[in-house]
Amino acid sequence: MLDPLARALHLDDAERAHLFDLARAAQPVRPAPRRRAAKHRLRPSVQQLLDALTGAAHIGDDRLDILGANPLGRALFLEMFDGQERPNAARFIFLDPRARDFYLDWDRIARDVVATLRSAAGRNPYDRDLTELVGELSTRSQEFRQHWAKHDVRFHISGVKHFHHAQVGDLELNYERLEVVFDTGLTIFTYTADPGTRSAEALGLLGSWAATAAAEQQAPAG
């Protein structure tokens, strides 16, 4: 019955998937208790893959916890990491005032993040960590509360994002979402610039800065 309903409502792929997730969660069985999701561990081979990418890249889970990044990814999202080994992108976007300067299209990014979390909540209705994150953001951010109440869902797969980086200025970057099939729930995001553009030059400068910083950290004292 759900397929005809989805067609009648003209649901897109994300909305259709969310409808099926909600239907599964509503099955007349004893509901499972809310539980902590298993903590993902970043396999060394996945980190090696991140480091081999020439663009900026980071990897995260359904709650938008960032588990790792390559040096250029950490340099691009410098303020989000800012001393945190595993930051959360949603917390940064809604709770850190620097995010509004960093994301030139902050309003669209904010809507996309809430829609992503709403989709994750449909897939994992008993994820206690996700529930607590939504509760925290709802309590501390009026914008999050307003977007969450709309029940929008969206697949955050590819597109263009605009950033203002404190060190290299404005960037227009293409992003792509890559599923890590072996590690269910983990996703790699890559950020690249079109060749020959001002953004490509700026990203190259940022890469040089990141490489220099990494070399200085690895250099022996004295």
C-alpha atoms as a PDB file:
ATOM      1  CA  MET A   1       0.000   0.000   0.000  1.00  0.00           C
ATOM      2  CA  LEU A   2       2.896   2.361   0.585  1.00  0.00           C
ATOM      3  CA  ASP A   3       4.108   2.475  -3.014  1.00  0.00           C
ATOM      4  CA  PRO A   4       0.771   3.811  -4.398  1.00  0.00           C
ATOM      5  CA  LEU A   5       0.601   6.286  -1.514  1.00  0.00           C
ATOM      6  CA  ALA A   6       4.111   7.554  -2.238  1.00  0.00           C
ATOM      7  CA  ARG A   7       3.244   7.997  -5.908  1.00  0.00           C
ATOM      8  CA  ALA A   8      -0.028   9.757  -5.125  1.00  0.00           C
ATOM      9  CA  LEU A   9       1.754  12.189  -2.801  1.00  0.00           C
ATOM     10  CA  HIS A  10       4.547  12.751  -5.364  1.00  0.00           C
ATOM     11  CA  LEU A  11       7.178  11.978  -2.726  1.00  0.00           C
ATOM     12  CA  ASP A  12      10.829  12.298  -3.692  1.00  0.00           C
ATOM     13  CA  ASP A  13      13.338   9.551  -2.893  1.00  0.00           C
ATOM     14  CA  ALA A  14      14.155  10.882   0.578  1.00  0.00           C
ATOM     15  CA  GLU A  15      10.502  11.333   1.513  1.00  0.00           C
ATOM     16  CA  ARG A  16       9.613   7.886   0.194  1.00  0.00           C
ATOM     17  CA  ALA A  17      12.410   6.258   2.210  1.00  0.00           C
ATOM     18  CA  HIS A  18      11.276   8.147   5.309  1.00  0.00           C
ATOM     19  CA  LEU A  19       7.696   6.940   4.820  1.00  0.00           C
ATOM     20  CA  PHE A  20       8.885   3.328   4.749  1.00  0.00           C
ATOM     21  CA  ASP A  21      11.080   3.909   7.819  1.00  0.00           C
ATOM     22  CA  LEU A  22       8.113   5.286   9.748  1.00  0.00           C
ATOM     23  CA  ALA A  23       5.953   2.349   8.678  1.00  0.00           C
ATOM     24  CA  ARG A  24       8.536  -0.142   9.930  1.00  0.00           C
ATOM     25  CA  ALA A  25       8.815   1.707  13.254  1.00  0.00           C
ATOM     26  CA  ALA A  26       5.014   1.591  13.658  1.00  0.00           C
ATOM     27  CA  GLN A  27       4.733  -2.196  13.344  1.00  0.00           C
ATOM     28  CA  PRO A  28       2.559  -3.661  16.142  1.00  0.00           C
ATOM     29  CA  VAL A  29       5.375  -5.252  18.091  1.00  0.00           C
ATOM     30  CA  ARG A  30       6.786  -4.466  21.475  1.00  0.00           C
ATOM     31  CA  PRO A  31       8.957  -1.372  20.980  1.00  0.00           C
ATOM     32  CA  ALA A  32      12.635  -1.794  21.590  1.00  0.00           C
ATOM     33  CA  PRO A  33      14.089   0.256  24.440  1.00  0.00           C
ATOM     34  CA  ARG A  34      16.095   3.289  23.453  1.00  0.00           C
ATOM     35  CA  ARG A  35      19.724   2.294  23.455  1.00  0.00           C
ATOM     36  CA  ARG A  36      23.143   3.729  22.886  1.00  0.00           C
ATOM     37  CA  ALA A  37      24.336   3.121  19.360  1.00  0.00           C
ATOM     38  CA  ALA A  38      27.582   1.232  19.036  1.00  0.00           C
ATOM     39  CA  LYS A  39      30.511   3.608  18.816  1.00  0.00           C
ATOM     40  CA  HIS A  40      32.030   3.506  15.361  1.00  0.00           C
ATOM     41  CA  ARG A  41      35.757   2.990  15.114  1.00  0.00           C
ATOM     42  CA  LEU A  42      37.591   4.367  12.121  1.00  0.00           C
ATOM     43  CA  ARG A  43      39.465   1.526  10.486  1.00  0.00           C
ATOM     44  CA  PRO A  44      43.084   2.343   9.529  1.00  0.00           C
ATOM     45  CA  SER A  45      42.402   1.542   5.878  1.00  0.00           C
ATOM     46  CA  VAL A  46      39.571   4.107   5.819  1.00  0.00           C
ATOM     47  CA  GLN A  47      41.853   6.762   7.289  1.00  0.00           C
ATOM     48  CA  GLN A  48      44.437   5.856   4.646  1.00  0.00           C
ATOM     49  CA  LEU A  49      41.761   6.368   2.002  1.00  0.00           C
ATOM     50  CA  LEU A  50      40.920   9.792   3.421  1.00  0.00           C
ATOM     51  CA  ASP A  51      44.590  10.769   3.460  1.00  0.00           C
ATOM     52  CA  ALA A  52      45.010   9.633  -0.165  1.00  0.00           C
ATOM     53  CA  LEU A  53      42.262  11.957  -1.422  1.00  0.00           C
ATOM     54  CA  THR A  54      43.507  15.193  -2.971  1.00  0.00           C
ATOM     55  CA  GLY A  55      40.438  17.188  -1.917  1.00  0.00           C
ATOM     56  CA  ALA A  56      39.248  17.969   1.574  1.00  0.00           C
ATOM     57  CA  ALA A  57      37.417  15.037   3.151  1.00  0.00           C
ATOM     58  CA  HIS A  58      35.874  13.937   6.418  1.00  0.00           C
ATOM     59  CA  ILE A  59      33.869  10.924   7.563  1.00  0.00           C
ATOM     60  CA  GLY A  60      30.869  10.882   9.875  1.00  0.00           C
ATOM     61  CA  ASP A  61      27.889   8.879  11.097  1.00  0.00           C
ATOM     62  CA  ASP A  62      24.119   9.349  10.981  1.00  0.00           C
ATOM     63  CA  ARG A  63      24.208  11.712  13.973  1.00  0.00           C
ATOM     64  CA  LEU A  64      26.734  13.887  12.108  1.00  0.00           C
ATOM     65  CA  ASP A  65      29.520  13.064  14.542  1.00  0.00           C
ATOM     66  CA  ILE A  66      32.767  13.560  12.609  1.00  0.00           C
ATOM     67  CA  LEU A  67      34.986  10.540  13.207  1.00  0.00           C
ATOM     68  CA  GLY A  68      37.969  11.625  11.149  1.00  0.00           C
ATOM     69  CA  ALA A  69      39.301  13.741   8.316  1.00  0.00           C
ATOM     70  CA  ASN A  70      42.345  14.184   6.131  1.00  0.00           C
ATOM     71  CA  PRO A  71      44.677  17.141   6.846  1.00  0.00           C
ATOM     72  CA  LEU A  72      42.999  19.344   4.242  1.00  0.00           C
ATOM     73  CA  GLY A  73      39.587  18.458   5.673  1.00  0.00           C
ATOM     74  CA  ARG A  74      40.711  19.503   9.149  1.00  0.00           C
ATOM     75  CA  ALA A  75      42.158  22.705   7.727  1.00  0.00           C
ATOM     76  CA  LEU A  76      38.948  23.513   5.847  1.00  0.00           C
ATOM     77  CA  PHE A  77      36.765  22.872   8.914  1.00  0.00           C
ATOM     78  CA  LEU A  78      39.326  24.341  11.288  1.00  0.00           C
ATOM     79  CA  GLU A  79      36.775  26.054  13.532  1.00  0.00           C
ATOM     80  CA  MET A  80      34.544  22.988  13.757  1.00  0.00           C
ATOM     81  CA  PHE A  81      37.410  20.791  14.943  1.00  0.00           C
ATOM     82  CA  ASP A  82      39.007  23.499  17.144  1.00  0.00           C
ATOM     83  CA  GLY A  83      40.586  21.125  19.637  1.00  0.00           C
ATOM     84  CA  GLN A  84      37.854  18.472  19.336  1.00  0.00           C
ATOM     85  CA  GLU A  85      38.875  15.083  18.058  1.00  0.00           C
ATOM     86  CA  ARG A  86      35.283  14.121  17.126  1.00  0.00           C
ATOM     87  CA  PRO A  87      33.105  17.211  16.710  1.00  0.00           C
ATOM     88  CA  ASN A  88      29.443  17.127  15.746  1.00  0.00           C
ATOM     89  CA  ALA A  89      28.513  19.099  12.631  1.00  0.00           C
ATOM     90  CA  ALA A  90      24.974  19.862  13.820  1.00  0.00           C
ATOM     91  CA  ARG A  91      26.212  21.279  17.129  1.00  0.00           C
ATOM     92  CA  PHE A  92      28.735  23.441  15.277  1.00  0.00           C
ATOM     93  CA  ILE A  93      26.171  24.766  12.820  1.00  0.00           C
ATOM     94  CA  PHE A  94      23.484  25.620  15.376  1.00  0.00           C
ATOM     95  CA  LEU A  95      25.433  26.358  18.560  1.00  0.00           C
ATOM     96  CA  ASP A  96      28.728  27.921  17.436  1.00  0.00           C
ATOM     97  CA  PRO A  97      28.321  31.531  16.230  1.00  0.00           C
ATOM     98  CA  ARG A  98      31.373  31.146  13.989  1.00  0.00           C
ATOM     99  CA  ALA A  99      29.373  28.790  11.760  1.00  0.00           C
ATOM    100  CA  ARG A 100      27.238  31.664  10.449  1.00  0.00           C
ATOM    101  CA  ASP A 101      30.346  33.380   9.101  1.00  0.00           C
ATOM    102  CA  PHE A 102      31.915  30.166   7.830  1.00  0.00           C
ATOM    103  CA  TYR A 103      28.879  28.983   5.833  1.00  0.00           C
ATOM    104  CA  LEU A 104      27.897  31.730   3.404  1.00  0.00           C
ATOM    105  CA  ASP A 105      24.629  29.848   2.755  1.00  0.00           C
ATOM    106  CA  TRP A 106      24.013  29.079   6.441  1.00  0.00           C
ATOM    107  CA  ASP A 107      20.202  28.996   6.164  1.00  0.00           C
ATOM    108  CA  ARG A 108      20.268  26.290   3.504  1.00  0.00           C
ATOM    109  CA  ILE A 109      22.926  24.315   5.356  1.00  0.00           C
ATOM    110  CA  ALA A 110      20.867  24.485   8.549  1.00  0.00           C
ATOM    111  CA  ARG A 111      17.760  23.161   6.781  1.00  0.00           C
ATOM    112  CA  ASP A 112      19.766  20.354   5.166  1.00  0.00           C
ATOM    113  CA  VAL A 113      21.265  19.302   8.505  1.00  0.00           C
ATOM    114  CA  VAL A 114      17.882  19.127  10.227  1.00  0.00           C
ATOM    115  CA  ALA A 115      16.414  17.170   7.305  1.00  0.00           C
ATOM    116  CA  THR A 116      19.362  14.757   7.486  1.00  0.00           C
ATOM    117  CA  LEU A 117      18.851  14.203  11.211  1.00  0.00           C
ATOM    118  CA  ARG A 118      15.093  13.737  10.667  1.00  0.00           C
ATOM    119  CA  SER A 119      15.842  10.994   8.122  1.00  0.00           C
ATOM    120  CA  ALA A 120      18.272   9.365  10.559  1.00  0.00           C
ATOM    121  CA  ALA A 121      15.628   9.446  13.307  1.00  0.00           C
ATOM    122  CA  GLY A 122      13.213   7.607  11.003  1.00  0.00           C
ATOM    123  CA  ARG A 123      15.788   4.900  10.301  1.00  0.00           C
ATOM    124  CA  ASN A 124      16.914   4.601  13.924  1.00  0.00           C
ATOM    125  CA  PRO A 125      13.992   5.589  16.176  1.00  0.00           C
ATOM    126  CA  TYR A 126      15.558   3.939  19.236  1.00  0.00           C
ATOM    127  CA  ASP A 127      18.993   5.591  18.979  1.00  0.00           C
ATOM    128  CA  ARG A 128      19.336   7.241  22.391  1.00  0.00           C
ATOM    129  CA  ASP A 129      22.353   9.340  21.377  1.00  0.00           C
ATOM    130  CA  LEU A 130      20.436  10.755  18.422  1.00  0.00           C
ATOM    131  CA  THR A 131      17.395  11.469  20.595  1.00  0.00           C
ATOM    132  CA  GLU A 132      19.559  13.288  23.126  1.00  0.00           C
ATOM    133  CA  LEU A 133      21.251  15.308  20.390  1.00  0.00           C
ATOM    134  CA  VAL A 134      17.883  16.406  18.991  1.00  0.00           C
ATOM    135  CA  GLY A 135      16.727  17.290  22.498  1.00  0.00           C
ATOM    136  CA  GLU A 136      19.847  19.334  23.170  1.00  0.00           C
ATOM    137  CA  LEU A 137      19.599  21.255  19.912  1.00  0.00           C
ATOM    138  CA  SER A 138      15.863  21.827  20.367  1.00  0.00           C
ATOM    139  CA  THR A 139      16.498  23.276  23.816  1.00  0.00           C
ATOM    140  CA  ARG A 140      19.377  25.517  22.821  1.00  0.00           C
ATOM    141  CA  SER A 141      18.468  26.678  19.295  1.00  0.00           C
ATOM    142  CA  GLN A 142      15.190  28.269  18.234  1.00  0.00           C
ATOM    143  CA  GLU A 143      16.101  27.824  14.552  1.00  0.00           C
ATOM    144  CA  PHE A 144      16.626  24.109  15.071  1.00  0.00           C
ATOM    145  CA  ARG A 145      13.263  23.792  16.844  1.00  0.00           C
ATOM    146  CA  GLN A 146      11.492  25.570  14.001  1.00  0.00           C
ATOM    147  CA  HIS A 147      13.106  23.440  11.286  1.00  0.00           C
ATOM    148  CA  TRP A 148      12.584  20.198  13.224  1.00  0.00           C
ATOM    149  CA  ALA A 149       8.865  20.926  13.559  1.00  0.00           C
ATOM    150  CA  LYS A 150       8.517  20.984   9.749  1.00  0.00           C
ATOM    151  CA  HIS A 151       9.355  17.244   9.478  1.00  0.00           C
ATOM    152  CA  ASP A 152      11.348  17.788   6.272  1.00  0.00           C
ATOM    153  CA  VAL A 153      13.637  14.986   5.112  1.00  0.00           C
ATOM    154  CA  ARG A 154      16.358  15.167   2.499  1.00  0.00           C
ATOM    155  CA  PHE A 155      19.210  13.163   0.991  1.00  0.00           C
ATOM    156  CA  HIS A 156      22.405  15.167   1.323  1.00  0.00           C
ATOM    157  CA  ILE A 157      24.301  13.624  -1.603  1.00  0.00           C
ATOM    158  CA  SER A 158      26.028  16.183  -3.826  1.00  0.00           C
ATOM    159  CA  GLY A 159      26.019  19.853  -4.722  1.00  0.00           C
ATOM    160  CA  VAL A 160      27.905  23.081  -4.161  1.00  0.00           C
ATOM    161  CA  LYS A 161      28.691  24.806  -0.866  1.00  0.00           C
ATOM    162  CA  HIS A 162      30.013  28.294  -0.239  1.00  0.00           C
ATOM    163  CA  PHE A 163      32.403  28.960   2.621  1.00  0.00           C
ATOM    164  CA  HIS A 164      34.284  31.908   4.043  1.00  0.00           C
ATOM    165  CA  HIS A 165      37.537  30.612   5.491  1.00  0.00           C
ATOM    166  CA  ALA A 166      39.368  32.833   7.931  1.00  0.00           C
ATOM    167  CA  GLN A 167      42.727  32.226   6.213  1.00  0.00           C
ATOM    168  CA  VAL A 168      42.010  31.932   2.485  1.00  0.00           C
ATOM    169  CA  GLY A 169      38.721  33.801   2.048  1.00  0.00           C
ATOM    170  CA  ASP A 170      35.685  32.703   0.059  1.00  0.00           C
ATOM    171  CA  LEU A 171      35.470  29.200  -1.393  1.00  0.00           C
ATOM    172  CA  GLU A 172      32.976  27.605  -3.775  1.00  0.00           C
ATOM    173  CA  LEU A 173      33.396  23.846  -3.430  1.00  0.00           C
ATOM    174  CA  ASN A 174      31.719  20.803  -4.920  1.00  0.00           C
ATOM    175  CA  TYR A 175      30.762  18.174  -2.367  1.00  0.00           C
ATOM    176  CA  GLU A 176      30.026  14.479  -2.854  1.00  0.00           C
ATOM    177  CA  ARG A 177      28.712  11.899  -0.401  1.00  0.00           C
ATOM    178  CA  LEU A 178      30.330   8.440  -0.510  1.00  0.00           C
ATOM    179  CA  GLU A 179      28.846   5.553   1.474  1.00  0.00           C
ATOM    180  CA  VAL A 180      31.300   3.241   3.261  1.00  0.00           C
ATOM    181  CA  VAL A 181      29.556  -0.035   2.493  1.00  0.00           C
ATOM    182  CA  PHE A 182      31.465  -2.200   4.981  1.00  0.00           C
ATOM    183  CA  ASP A 183      30.851   0.247   7.860  1.00  0.00           C
ATOM    184  CA  THR A 184      27.088   0.720   7.891  1.00  0.00           C
ATOM    185  CA  GLY A 185      26.093   4.265   8.752  1.00  0.00           C
ATOM    186  CA  LEU A 186      29.435   5.875   7.932  1.00  0.00           C
ATOM    187  CA  THR A 187      29.695   8.403   5.131  1.00  0.00           C
ATOM    188  CA  ILE A 188      32.635  10.202   3.536  1.00  0.00           C
ATOM    189  CA  PHE A 189      32.133  13.759   2.279  1.00  0.00           C
ATOM    190  CA  THR A 190      34.639  15.176  -0.190  1.00  0.00           C
ATOM    191  CA  TYR A 191      35.101  18.831  -1.155  1.00  0.00           C
ATOM    192  CA  THR A 192      36.832  19.884  -4.363  1.00  0.00           C
ATOM    193  CA  ALA A 193      37.097  23.030  -6.469  1.00  0.00           C
ATOM    194  CA  ASP A 194      36.714  23.426 -10.219  1.00  0.00           C
ATOM    195  CA  PRO A 195      40.157  23.631 -11.880  1.00  0.00           C
ATOM    196  CA  GLY A 196      41.427  27.091 -12.746  1.00  0.00           C
ATOM    197  CA  THR A 197      39.108  28.919 -10.368  1.00  0.00           C
ATOM    198  CA  ARG A 198      39.932  31.251  -7.549  1.00  0.00           C
ATOM    199  CA  SER A 199      38.531  28.591  -5.194  1.00  0.00           C
ATOM    200  CA  ALA A 200      40.990  26.013  -6.566  1.00  0.00           C
ATOM    201  CA  GLU A 201      43.866  28.397  -5.890  1.00  0.00           C
ATOM    202  CA  ALA A 202      42.604  29.102  -2.372  1.00  0.00           C
ATOM    203  CA  LEU A 203      42.128  25.391  -1.637  1.00  0.00           C
ATOM    204  CA  GLY A 204      45.676  24.768  -2.844  1.00  0.00           C
ATOM    205  CA  LEU A 205      46.973  27.447  -0.465  1.00  0.00           C
ATOM    206  CA  LEU A 206      45.009  25.869   2.346  1.00  0.00           C
ATOM    207  CA  GLY A 207      46.509  22.492   1.483  1.00  0.00           C
ATOM    208  CA  SER A 208      50.040  23.951   1.619  1.00  0.00           C
ATOM    209  CA  TRP A 209      49.275  25.507   4.985  1.00  0.00           C
ATOM    210  CA  ALA A 210      47.894  22.197   6.298  1.00  0.00           C
ATOM    211  CA  ALA A 211      50.963  20.288   5.077  1.00  0.00           C
ATOM    212  CA  THR A 212      53.304  22.810   6.718  1.00  0.00           C
ATOM    213  CA  ALA A 213      51.391  22.632   9.995  1.00  0.00           C
ATOM    214  CA  ALA A 214      51.490  18.824   9.941  1.00  0.00           C
ATOM    215  CA  ALA A 215      55.222  18.807   9.257  1.00  0.00           C
ATOM    216  CA  GLU A 216      55.854  21.206  12.144  1.00  0.00           C
ATOM    217  CA  GLN A 217      53.883  18.971  14.511  1.00  0.00           C
ATOM    218  CA  GLN A 218      55.874  15.892  13.459  1.00  0.00           C
ATOM    219  CA  ALA A 219      59.266  17.624  13.640  1.00  0.00           C
ATOM    220  CA  PRO A 220      61.388  16.579  16.676  1.00  0.00           C
ATOM    221  CA  ALA A 221      61.616  19.165  19.433  1.00  0.00           C
ATOM    222  CA  GLY A 222      64.631  21.418  19.151  1.00  0.00           C
END
